[in-house]
PDB file of N, CA and C in Angstrom:
ATOM      1  N   UNK A   1      20.529  15.887   0.203  1.00  0.00           N
ATOM      2  CA  UNK A   1      20.810  15.221  -1.049  1.00  0.00           C
ATOM      3  C   UNK A   1      22.241  15.067  -1.338  1.00  0.00           C
ATOM      4  N   UNK A   2      22.936  16.187  -1.607  1.00  0.00           N
ATOM      5  CA  UNK A   2      24.345  16.147  -1.923  1.00  0.00           C
ATOM      6  C   UNK A   2      24.886  17.507  -1.374  1.00  0.00           C
ATOM      7  N   UNK A   3      25.918  17.546  -0.492  1.00  0.00           N
ATOM      8  CA  UNK A   3      26.415  18.766   0.115  1.00  0.00           C
ATOM      9  C   UNK A   3      26.734  19.761  -1.004  1.00  0.00           C
ATOM     10  N   UNK A   4      26.322  21.008  -0.815  1.00  0.00           N
ATOM     11  CA  UNK A   4      26.692  22.142  -1.738  1.00  0.00           C
ATOM     12  C   UNK A   4      25.756  22.247  -2.973  1.00  0.00           C
ATOM     13  N   UNK A   5      24.859  21.320  -3.136  1.00  0.00           N
ATOM     14  CA  UNK A   5      24.023  21.270  -4.285  1.00  0.00           C
ATOM     15  C   UNK A   5      22.626  21.721  -3.916  1.00  0.00           C
ATOM     16  N   UNK A   6      22.086  22.669  -4.667  1.00  0.00           N
ATOM     17  CA  UNK A   6      20.694  23.182  -4.335  1.00  0.00           C
ATOM     18  C   UNK A   6      19.624  22.342  -4.976  1.00  0.00           C
ATOM     19  N   UNK A   7      18.591  22.149  -4.264  1.00  0.00           N
ATOM     20  CA  UNK A   7      17.461  21.370  -4.755  1.00  0.00           C
ATOM     21  C   UNK A   7      16.127  22.015  -4.164  1.00  0.00           C
ATOM     22  N   UNK A   8      15.387  22.601  -5.080  1.00  0.00           N
ATOM     23  CA  UNK A   8      14.195  23.294  -4.594  1.00  0.00           C
ATOM     24  C   UNK A   8      13.087  22.409  -4.129  1.00  0.00           C
ATOM     25  N   UNK A   9      13.011  21.179  -4.566  1.00  0.00           N
ATOM     26  CA  UNK A   9      11.982  20.167  -4.183  1.00  0.00           C
ATOM     27  C   UNK A   9      12.581  18.801  -4.071  1.00  0.00           C
ATOM     28  N   UNK A  10      13.138  18.543  -2.891  1.00  0.00           N
ATOM     29  CA  UNK A  10      13.926  17.299  -2.629  1.00  0.00           C
ATOM     30  C   UNK A  10      12.859  16.166  -2.659  1.00  0.00           C
ATOM     31  N   UNK A  11      11.660  16.445  -2.160  1.00  0.00           N
ATOM     32  CA  UNK A  11      10.630  15.370  -2.161  1.00  0.00           C
ATOM     33  C   UNK A  11      10.265  14.872  -3.581  1.00  0.00           C
ATOM     34  N   UNK A  12      10.284  15.804  -4.635  1.00  0.00           N
ATOM     35  CA  UNK A  12       9.957  15.425  -5.974  1.00  0.00           C
ATOM     36  C   UNK A  12      11.093  14.548  -6.595  1.00  0.00           C
ATOM     37  N   UNK A  13      12.315  14.958  -6.394  1.00  0.00           N
ATOM     38  CA  UNK A  13      13.514  14.251  -6.821  1.00  0.00           C
ATOM     39  C   UNK A  13      13.590  12.868  -6.180  1.00  0.00           C
ATOM     40  N   UNK A  14      13.397  12.826  -4.966  1.00  0.00           N
ATOM     41  CA  UNK A  14      13.416  11.624  -4.131  1.00  0.00           C
ATOM     42  C   UNK A  14      12.314  10.624  -4.612  1.00  0.00           C
ATOM     43  N   UNK A  15      11.054  11.085  -4.827  1.00  0.00           N
ATOM     44  CA  UNK A  15      10.008  10.355  -5.269  1.00  0.00           C
ATOM     45  C   UNK A  15      10.277   9.785  -6.706  1.00  0.00           C
ATOM     46  N   UNK A  16      10.855  10.622  -7.520  1.00  0.00           N
ATOM     47  CA  UNK A  16      11.183  10.120  -8.920  1.00  0.00           C
ATOM     48  C   UNK A  16      12.273   9.045  -8.786  1.00  0.00           C
ATOM     49  N   UNK A  17      13.251   9.232  -7.915  1.00  0.00           N
ATOM     50  CA  UNK A  17      14.308   8.208  -7.741  1.00  0.00           C
ATOM     51  C   UNK A  17      13.755   6.895  -7.279  1.00  0.00           C
ATOM     52  N   UNK A  18      12.706   6.930  -6.273  1.00  0.00           N
ATOM     53  CA  UNK A  18      12.160   5.730  -5.867  1.00  0.00           C
ATOM     54  C   UNK A  18      11.399   4.957  -6.930  1.00  0.00           C
ATOM     55  N   UNK A  19      10.807   5.640  -7.902  1.00  0.00           N
ATOM     56  CA  UNK A  19      10.106   5.004  -8.986  1.00  0.00           C
ATOM     57  C   UNK A  19      11.041   4.313  -9.991  1.00  0.00           C
ATOM     58  N   UNK A  20      12.352   4.669  -9.887  1.00  0.00           N
ATOM     59  CA  UNK A  20      13.312   4.165 -10.862  1.00  0.00           C
ATOM     60  C   UNK A  20      14.556   3.604 -10.159  1.00  0.00           C
ATOM     61  N   UNK A  21      14.352   2.267  -9.709  1.00  0.00           N
ATOM     62  CA  UNK A  21      15.448   1.640  -9.011  1.00  0.00           C
ATOM     63  C   UNK A  21      16.851   1.855  -9.642  1.00  0.00           C
ATOM     64  N   UNK A  22      17.821   2.178  -8.831  1.00  0.00           N
ATOM     65  CA  UNK A  22      19.192   2.407  -9.316  1.00  0.00           C
ATOM     66  C   UNK A  22      19.506   3.786  -9.790  1.00  0.00           C
ATOM     67  N   UNK A  23      18.416   4.588  -9.912  1.00  0.00           N
ATOM     68  CA  UNK A  23      18.630   5.970 -10.470  1.00  0.00           C
ATOM     69  C   UNK A  23      19.338   6.830  -9.471  1.00  0.00           C
ATOM     70  N   UNK A  24      18.960   6.801  -8.147  1.00  0.00           N
ATOM     71  CA  UNK A  24      19.568   7.666  -7.182  1.00  0.00           C
ATOM     72  C   UNK A  24      21.127   7.547  -7.166  1.00  0.00           C
ATOM     73  N   UNK A  25      21.659   6.270  -7.333  1.00  0.00           N
ATOM     74  CA  UNK A  25      23.128   6.106  -7.372  1.00  0.00           C
ATOM     75  C   UNK A  25      23.669   6.822  -8.590  1.00  0.00           C
ATOM     76  N   UNK A  26      23.001   6.735  -9.676  1.00  0.00           N
ATOM     77  CA  UNK A  26      23.496   7.483 -10.896  1.00  0.00           C
ATOM     78  C   UNK A  26      23.441   8.947 -10.717  1.00  0.00           C
ATOM     79  N   UNK A  27      22.356   9.452 -10.126  1.00  0.00           N
ATOM     80  CA  UNK A  27      22.288  10.874  -9.771  1.00  0.00           C
ATOM     81  C   UNK A  27      23.386  11.394  -8.903  1.00  0.00           C
ATOM     82  N   UNK A  28      23.670  10.580  -7.840  1.00  0.00           N
ATOM     83  CA  UNK A  28      24.746  11.029  -6.977  1.00  0.00           C
ATOM     84  C   UNK A  28      26.123  11.098  -7.654  1.00  0.00           C
ATOM     85  N   UNK A  29      26.331  10.022  -8.517  1.00  0.00           N
ATOM     86  CA  UNK A  29      27.551   9.982  -9.301  1.00  0.00           C
ATOM     87  C   UNK A  29      27.601  11.210 -10.284  1.00  0.00           C
ATOM     88  N   UNK A  30      26.521  11.442 -10.915  1.00  0.00           N
ATOM     89  CA  UNK A  30      26.461  12.568 -11.884  1.00  0.00           C
ATOM     90  C   UNK A  30      26.743  13.907 -11.224  1.00  0.00           C
ATOM     91  N   UNK A  31      26.194  14.069 -10.031  1.00  0.00           N
ATOM     92  CA  UNK A  31      26.407  15.251  -9.177  1.00  0.00           C
ATOM     93  C   UNK A  31      27.959  15.436  -8.891  1.00  0.00           C
ATOM     94  N   UNK A  32      28.523  14.331  -8.511  1.00  0.00           N
ATOM     95  CA  UNK A  32      30.026  14.317  -8.157  1.00  0.00           C
ATOM     96  C   UNK A  32      30.768  14.701  -9.419  1.00  0.00           C
ATOM     97  N   UNK A  33      30.474  14.099 -10.541  1.00  0.00           N
ATOM     98  CA  UNK A  33      31.214  14.368 -11.767  1.00  0.00           C
ATOM     99  C   UNK A  33      31.101  15.862 -12.249  1.00  0.00           C
ATOM    100  N   UNK A  34      29.772  16.377 -12.018  1.00  0.00           N
ATOM    101  CA  UNK A  34      29.427  17.787 -12.353  1.00  0.00           C
ATOM    102  C   UNK A  34      30.222  18.738 -11.464  1.00  0.00           C
ATOM    103  N   UNK A  35      30.329  18.403 -10.210  1.00  0.00           N
ATOM    104  CA  UNK A  35      31.024  19.268  -9.301  1.00  0.00           C
ATOM    105  C   UNK A  35      32.574  19.224  -9.545  1.00  0.00           C
ATOM    106  N   UNK A  36      33.066  17.989  -9.844  1.00  0.00           N
ATOM    107  CA  UNK A  36      34.425  17.840 -10.225  1.00  0.00           C
ATOM    108  C   UNK A  36      34.847  18.658 -11.394  1.00  0.00           C
ATOM    109  N   UNK A  37      33.919  18.711 -12.406  1.00  0.00           N
ATOM    110  CA  UNK A  37      34.222  19.491 -13.725  1.00  0.00           C
ATOM    111  C   UNK A  37      34.092  20.964 -13.543  1.00  0.00           C
ATOM    112  N   UNK A  38      33.002  21.410 -12.722  1.00  0.00           N
ATOM    113  CA  UNK A  38      32.810  22.857 -12.752  1.00  0.00           C
ATOM    114  C   UNK A  38      33.331  23.452 -11.452  1.00  0.00           C
ATOM    115  N   UNK A  39      33.558  22.709 -10.433  1.00  0.00           N
ATOM    116  CA  UNK A  39      34.169  23.204  -9.163  1.00  0.00           C
ATOM    117  C   UNK A  39      33.195  23.988  -8.330  1.00  0.00           C
ATOM    118  N   UNK A  40      33.751  24.490  -7.297  1.00  0.00           N
ATOM    119  CA  UNK A  40      32.910  25.042  -6.232  1.00  0.00           C
ATOM    120  C   UNK A  40      32.478  26.467  -6.670  1.00  0.00           C
ATOM    121  N   UNK A  41      33.097  27.061  -7.780  1.00  0.00           N
ATOM    122  CA  UNK A  41      32.714  28.398  -8.255  1.00  0.00           C
ATOM    123  C   UNK A  41      31.407  28.394  -8.974  1.00  0.00           C
ATOM    124  N   UNK A  42      30.899  27.237  -9.489  1.00  0.00           N
ATOM    125  CA  UNK A  42      29.720  27.098 -10.188  1.00  0.00           C
ATOM    126  C   UNK A  42      28.587  26.898  -9.198  1.00  0.00           C
ATOM    127  N   UNK A  43      27.360  27.280  -9.567  1.00  0.00           N
ATOM    128  CA  UNK A  43      26.182  26.940  -8.811  1.00  0.00           C
ATOM    129  C   UNK A  43      25.511  25.762  -9.459  1.00  0.00           C
ATOM    130  N   UNK A  44      25.362  24.678  -8.797  1.00  0.00           N
ATOM    131  CA  UNK A  44      24.709  23.503  -9.320  1.00  0.00           C
ATOM    132  C   UNK A  44      23.427  23.208  -8.566  1.00  0.00           C
ATOM    133  N   UNK A  45      22.399  23.029  -9.268  1.00  0.00           N
ATOM    134  CA  UNK A  45      21.134  22.719  -8.721  1.00  0.00           C
ATOM    135  C   UNK A  45      20.420  21.499  -9.407  1.00  0.00           C
ATOM    136  N   UNK A  46      19.544  20.896  -8.632  1.00  0.00           N
ATOM    137  CA  UNK A  46      18.876  19.662  -9.204  1.00  0.00           C
ATOM    138  C   UNK A  46      17.381  19.940  -8.989  1.00  0.00           C
ATOM    139  N   UNK A  47      16.635  19.593 -10.071  1.00  0.00           N
ATOM    140  CA  UNK A  47      15.212  19.679  -9.926  1.00  0.00           C
ATOM    141  C   UNK A  47      14.514  18.542 -10.892  1.00  0.00           C
ATOM    142  N   UNK A  48      13.327  18.339 -10.552  1.00  0.00           N
ATOM    143  CA  UNK A  48      12.506  17.484 -11.450  1.00  0.00           C
ATOM    144  C   UNK A  48      11.796  18.242 -12.494  1.00  0.00           C
ATOM    145  N   UNK A  49      12.040  18.073 -13.731  1.00  0.00           N
ATOM    146  CA  UNK A  49      11.457  18.709 -14.763  1.00  0.00           C
ATOM    147  C   UNK A  49      10.237  17.987 -15.247  1.00  0.00           C
ATOM    148  N   UNK A  50       9.085  18.654 -15.406  1.00  0.00           N
ATOM    149  CA  UNK A  50       7.850  18.099 -15.839  1.00  0.00           C
ATOM    150  C   UNK A  50       7.445  18.870 -17.096  1.00  0.00           C
ATOM    151  N   UNK A  51       7.476  18.072 -18.243  1.00  0.00           N
ATOM    152  CA  UNK A  51       7.094  18.639 -19.489  1.00  0.00           C
ATOM    153  C   UNK A  51       5.704  19.050 -19.534  1.00  0.00           C
ATOM    154  N   UNK A  52       5.267  20.313 -19.812  1.00  0.00           N
ATOM    155  CA  UNK A  52       3.918  20.783 -19.747  1.00  0.00           C
ATOM    156  C   UNK A  52       3.077  20.224 -20.940  1.00  0.00           C
ATOM    157  N   UNK A  53       3.765  19.764 -21.945  1.00  0.00           N
ATOM    158  CA  UNK A  53       2.996  19.334 -23.206  1.00  0.00           C
ATOM    159  C   UNK A  53       2.682  17.796 -23.254  1.00  0.00           C
ATOM    160  N   UNK A  54       3.397  17.069 -22.370  1.00  0.00           N
ATOM    161  CA  UNK A  54       3.145  15.632 -22.360  1.00  0.00           C
ATOM    162  C   UNK A  54       3.365  15.148 -20.932  1.00  0.00           C
ATOM    163  N   UNK A  55       3.159  13.847 -20.709  1.00  0.00           N
ATOM    164  CA  UNK A  55       3.321  13.224 -19.400  1.00  0.00           C
ATOM    165  C   UNK A  55       4.761  12.698 -19.175  1.00  0.00           C
ATOM    166  N   UNK A  56       5.697  13.591 -19.384  1.00  0.00           N
ATOM    167  CA  UNK A  56       7.107  13.178 -19.254  1.00  0.00           C
ATOM    168  C   UNK A  56       7.785  14.020 -18.189  1.00  0.00           C
ATOM    169  N   UNK A  57       8.631  13.325 -17.451  1.00  0.00           N
ATOM    170  CA  UNK A  57       9.426  14.055 -16.385  1.00  0.00           C
ATOM    171  C   UNK A  57      10.841  13.449 -16.267  1.00  0.00           C
ATOM    172  N   UNK A  58      11.750  14.231 -15.846  1.00  0.00           N
ATOM    173  CA  UNK A  58      13.106  13.703 -15.670  1.00  0.00           C
ATOM    174  C   UNK A  58      13.803  14.641 -14.746  1.00  0.00           C
ATOM    175  N   UNK A  59      14.917  14.268 -14.219  1.00  0.00           N
ATOM    176  CA  UNK A  59      15.692  15.120 -13.377  1.00  0.00           C
ATOM    177  C   UNK A  59      16.742  15.864 -14.155  1.00  0.00           C
ATOM    178  N   UNK A  60      16.919  17.197 -13.820  1.00  0.00           N
ATOM    179  CA  UNK A  60      17.883  17.900 -14.483  1.00  0.00           C
ATOM    180  C   UNK A  60      18.844  18.523 -13.413  1.00  0.00           C
ATOM    181  N   UNK A  61      20.172  18.537 -13.844  1.00  0.00           N
ATOM    182  CA  UNK A  61      21.185  19.227 -13.066  1.00  0.00           C
ATOM    183  C   UNK A  61      21.506  20.454 -13.907  1.00  0.00           C
ATOM    184  N   UNK A  62      21.337  21.607 -13.248  1.00  0.00           N
ATOM    185  CA  UNK A  62      21.654  22.862 -13.971  1.00  0.00           C
ATOM    186  C   UNK A  62      22.959  23.465 -13.373  1.00  0.00           C
ATOM    187  N   UNK A  63      23.829  23.902 -14.317  1.00  0.00           N
ATOM    188  CA  UNK A  63      25.093  24.586 -13.935  1.00  0.00           C
ATOM    189  C   UNK A  63      24.937  26.029 -14.234  1.00  0.00           C
ATOM    190  N   UNK A  64      25.155  26.872 -13.200  1.00  0.00           N
ATOM    191  CA  UNK A  64      25.205  28.307 -13.577  1.00  0.00           C
ATOM    192  C   UNK A  64      26.539  28.835 -13.024  1.00  0.00           C
ATOM    193  N   UNK A  65      27.041  29.819 -13.875  1.00  0.00           N
ATOM    194  CA  UNK A  65      28.321  30.448 -13.507  1.00  0.00           C
ATOM    195  C   UNK A  65      28.116  31.990 -13.725  1.00  0.00           C
ATOM    196  N   UNK A  66      29.065  32.708 -13.128  1.00  0.00           N
ATOM    197  CA  UNK A  66      29.116  34.220 -13.282  1.00  0.00           C
ATOM    198  C   UNK A  66      29.382  34.594 -14.680  1.00  0.00           C
ATOM    199  N   UNK A  67      30.250  33.776 -15.327  1.00  0.00           N
ATOM    200  CA  UNK A  67      30.616  34.023 -16.737  1.00  0.00           C
ATOM    201  C   UNK A  67      30.803  32.701 -17.368  1.00  0.00           C
ATOM    202  N   UNK A  68      30.520  32.629 -18.678  1.00  0.00           N
ATOM    203  CA  UNK A  68      30.578  31.382 -19.417  1.00  0.00           C
ATOM    204  C   UNK A  68      31.609  31.398 -20.421  1.00  0.00           C
ATOM    205  N   UNK A  69      32.491  30.390 -20.451  1.00  0.00           N
ATOM    206  CA  UNK A  69      33.461  30.205 -21.608  1.00  0.00           C
ATOM    207  C   UNK A  69      32.748  29.551 -22.758  1.00  0.00           C
ATOM    208  N   UNK A  70      33.428  29.652 -23.846  1.00  0.00           N
ATOM    209  CA  UNK A  70      32.848  29.076 -25.121  1.00  0.00           C
ATOM    210  C   UNK A  70      32.744  27.645 -25.070  1.00  0.00           C
ATOM    211  N   UNK A  71      33.475  26.915 -24.282  1.00  0.00           N
ATOM    212  CA  UNK A  71      33.465  25.490 -24.237  1.00  0.00           C
ATOM    213  C   UNK A  71      32.488  24.882 -23.178  1.00  0.00           C
ATOM    214  N   UNK A  72      31.524  25.699 -22.701  1.00  0.00           N
ATOM    215  CA  UNK A  72      30.591  25.228 -21.682  1.00  0.00           C
ATOM    216  C   UNK A  72      29.816  23.981 -22.073  1.00  0.00           C
ATOM    217  N   UNK A  73      29.298  23.946 -23.298  1.00  0.00           N
ATOM    218  CA  UNK A  73      28.594  22.802 -23.722  1.00  0.00           C
ATOM    219  C   UNK A  73      29.419  21.605 -23.908  1.00  0.00           C
ATOM    220  N   UNK A  74      30.694  21.716 -24.361  1.00  0.00           N
ATOM    221  CA  UNK A  74      31.558  20.588 -24.411  1.00  0.00           C
ATOM    222  C   UNK A  74      31.857  20.074 -23.059  1.00  0.00           C
ATOM    223  N   UNK A  75      32.127  20.920 -22.121  1.00  0.00           N
ATOM    224  CA  UNK A  75      32.246  20.469 -20.715  1.00  0.00           C
ATOM    225  C   UNK A  75      31.075  19.665 -20.178  1.00  0.00           C
ATOM    226  N   UNK A  76      29.844  20.181 -20.486  1.00  0.00           N
ATOM    227  CA  UNK A  76      28.610  19.512 -20.080  1.00  0.00           C
ATOM    228  C   UNK A  76      28.503  18.134 -20.816  1.00  0.00           C
ATOM    229  N   UNK A  77      28.926  18.057 -22.017  1.00  0.00           N
ATOM    230  CA  UNK A  77      28.840  16.801 -22.750  1.00  0.00           C
ATOM    231  C   UNK A  77      29.835  15.803 -22.112  1.00  0.00           C
ATOM    232  N   UNK A  78      31.011  16.310 -21.725  1.00  0.00           N
ATOM    233  CA  UNK A  78      31.901  15.437 -21.017  1.00  0.00           C
ATOM    234  C   UNK A  78      31.388  14.836 -19.761  1.00  0.00           C
ATOM    235  N   UNK A  79      30.652  15.704 -18.959  1.00  0.00           N
ATOM    236  CA  UNK A  79      30.038  15.234 -17.701  1.00  0.00           C
ATOM    237  C   UNK A  79      29.024  14.065 -18.080  1.00  0.00           C
ATOM    238  N   UNK A  80      28.215  14.437 -19.074  1.00  0.00           N
ATOM    239  CA  UNK A  80      27.197  13.435 -19.470  1.00  0.00           C
ATOM    240  C   UNK A  80      27.731  12.077 -19.895  1.00  0.00           C
ATOM    241  N   UNK A  81      28.873  12.131 -20.596  1.00  0.00           N
ATOM    242  CA  UNK A  81      29.573  10.929 -21.041  1.00  0.00           C
ATOM    243  C   UNK A  81      30.029  10.070 -19.867  1.00  0.00           C
ATOM    244  N   UNK A  82      30.280  10.733 -18.696  1.00  0.00           N
ATOM    245  CA  UNK A  82      30.769  10.046 -17.538  1.00  0.00           C
ATOM    246  C   UNK A  82      29.610   9.295 -16.828  1.00  0.00           C
ATOM    247  N   UNK A  83      28.432   9.578 -17.022  1.00  0.00           N
ATOM    248  CA  UNK A  83      27.332   8.800 -16.253  1.00  0.00           C
ATOM    249  C   UNK A  83      26.323   8.140 -17.191  1.00  0.00           C
ATOM    250  N   UNK A  84      26.325   8.415 -18.497  1.00  0.00           N
ATOM    251  CA  UNK A  84      25.234   7.919 -19.336  1.00  0.00           C
ATOM    252  C   UNK A  84      25.211   6.387 -19.423  1.00  0.00           C
ATOM    253  N   UNK A  85      26.241   5.736 -19.419  1.00  0.00           N
ATOM    254  CA  UNK A  85      26.281   4.252 -19.461  1.00  0.00           C
ATOM    255  C   UNK A  85      25.519   3.682 -18.261  1.00  0.00           C
ATOM    256  N   UNK A  86      25.690   4.354 -17.139  1.00  0.00           N
ATOM    257  CA  UNK A  86      24.995   3.821 -15.921  1.00  0.00           C
ATOM    258  C   UNK A  86      23.443   3.988 -16.002  1.00  0.00           C
ATOM    259  N   UNK A  87      23.046   4.942 -16.814  1.00  0.00           N
ATOM    260  CA  UNK A  87      21.580   5.026 -16.932  1.00  0.00           C
ATOM    261  C   UNK A  87      20.895   3.853 -17.635  1.00  0.00           C
ATOM    262  N   UNK A  88      21.669   3.113 -18.375  1.00  0.00           N
ATOM    263  CA  UNK A  88      21.064   1.955 -19.058  1.00  0.00           C
ATOM    264  C   UNK A  88      20.523   0.845 -18.083  1.00  0.00           C
ATOM    265  N   UNK A  89      20.937   0.927 -16.830  1.00  0.00           N
ATOM    266  CA  UNK A  89      20.441   0.033 -15.802  1.00  0.00           C
ATOM    267  C   UNK A  89      19.357   0.627 -15.034  1.00  0.00           C
ATOM    268  N   UNK A  90      18.699   1.668 -15.373  1.00  0.00           N
ATOM    269  CA  UNK A  90      17.596   2.144 -14.677  1.00  0.00           C
ATOM    270  C   UNK A  90      16.597   2.779 -15.748  1.00  0.00           C
ATOM    271  N   UNK A  91      15.388   2.925 -15.391  1.00  0.00           N
ATOM    272  CA  UNK A  91      14.440   3.536 -16.267  1.00  0.00           C
ATOM    273  C   UNK A  91      14.258   5.086 -16.124  1.00  0.00           C
ATOM    274  N   UNK A  92      15.017   5.635 -15.220  1.00  0.00           N
ATOM    275  CA  UNK A  92      15.045   7.101 -15.094  1.00  0.00           C
ATOM    276  C   UNK A  92      15.885   7.760 -16.088  1.00  0.00           C
ATOM    277  N   UNK A  93      15.683   9.051 -16.198  1.00  0.00           N
ATOM    278  CA  UNK A  93      16.507   9.819 -17.165  1.00  0.00           C
ATOM    279  C   UNK A  93      17.027  11.047 -16.426  1.00  0.00           C
ATOM    280  N   UNK A  94      18.219  11.511 -16.831  1.00  0.00           N
ATOM    281  CA  UNK A  94      18.891  12.551 -16.185  1.00  0.00           C
ATOM    282  C   UNK A  94      19.469  13.494 -17.322  1.00  0.00           C
ATOM    283  N   UNK A  95      19.451  14.761 -17.136  1.00  0.00           N
ATOM    284  CA  UNK A  95      20.052  15.678 -18.086  1.00  0.00           C
ATOM    285  C   UNK A  95      20.805  16.705 -17.412  1.00  0.00           C
ATOM    286  N   UNK A  96      22.068  17.036 -17.791  1.00  0.00           N
ATOM    287  CA  UNK A  96      22.870  18.104 -17.293  1.00  0.00           C
ATOM    288  C   UNK A  96      22.750  19.255 -18.280  1.00  0.00           C
ATOM    289  N   UNK A  97      22.525  20.427 -17.853  1.00  0.00           N
ATOM    290  CA  UNK A  97      22.400  21.584 -18.772  1.00  0.00           C
ATOM    291  C   UNK A  97      22.728  22.864 -18.051  1.00  0.00           C
ATOM    292  N   UNK A  98      22.692  23.967 -18.803  1.00  0.00           N
ATOM    293  CA  UNK A  98      22.789  25.266 -18.229  1.00  0.00           C
ATOM    294  C   UNK A  98      21.690  26.121 -18.922  1.00  0.00           C
ATOM    295  N   UNK A  99      21.320  27.192 -18.169  1.00  0.00           N
ATOM    296  CA  UNK A  99      20.387  28.140 -18.792  1.00  0.00           C
ATOM    297  C   UNK A  99      21.119  29.401 -19.130  1.00  0.00           C
ATOM    298  N   UNK A 100      22.460  29.466 -18.925  1.00  0.00           N
ATOM    299  CA  UNK A 100      23.230  30.594 -19.244  1.00  0.00           C
ATOM    300  C   UNK A 100      22.949  31.887 -18.376  1.00  0.00           C
ATOM    301  N   UNK A 101      22.270  31.611 -17.269  1.00  0.00           N
ATOM    302  CA  UNK A 101      21.941  32.702 -16.364  1.00  0.00           C
ATOM    303  C   UNK A 101      23.170  32.816 -15.339  1.00  0.00           C
ATOM    304  N   UNK A 102      23.196  33.971 -14.708  1.00  0.00           N
ATOM    305  CA  UNK A 102      24.254  34.079 -13.650  1.00  0.00           C
ATOM    306  C   UNK A 102      23.824  33.326 -12.456  1.00  0.00           C
ATOM    307  N   UNK A 103      24.746  33.069 -11.498  1.00  0.00           N
ATOM    308  CA  UNK A 103      24.415  32.368 -10.287  1.00  0.00           C
ATOM    309  C   UNK A 103      23.329  33.167  -9.533  1.00  0.00           C
ATOM    310  N   UNK A 104      22.428  32.540  -8.904  1.00  0.00           N
ATOM    311  CA  UNK A 104      21.485  33.190  -8.016  1.00  0.00           C
ATOM    312  C   UNK A 104      22.081  33.515  -6.726  1.00  0.00           C
ATOM    313  N   UNK A 105      21.574  34.619  -6.159  1.00  0.00           N
ATOM    314  CA  UNK A 105      22.163  34.986  -4.772  1.00  0.00           C
ATOM    315  C   UNK A 105      21.558  34.290  -3.719  1.00  0.00           C
TER     316      UNK A 105
END
């Protein structure tokens, strides 16, 4: 998918991307912007989130760090601002977030 980015189910993300023309390019760009913002010290992963309460799904990019600065959400918002306009040309949806967990081994 993208060098250095973890993806537990590449098939699900690829299938979602195929259903939403133009989405994959936005995803690749968002991954680049995320990596540029958080660097190689962060653990960045991609997954398809499926809402258990309704028939909704979207791709998430999760940023994990060993320690979190107070400005983590502002930095995530800056990443989102970098790709959100491009999402208007696709029916897919993408969210960058963190779960405030330490990086996985």
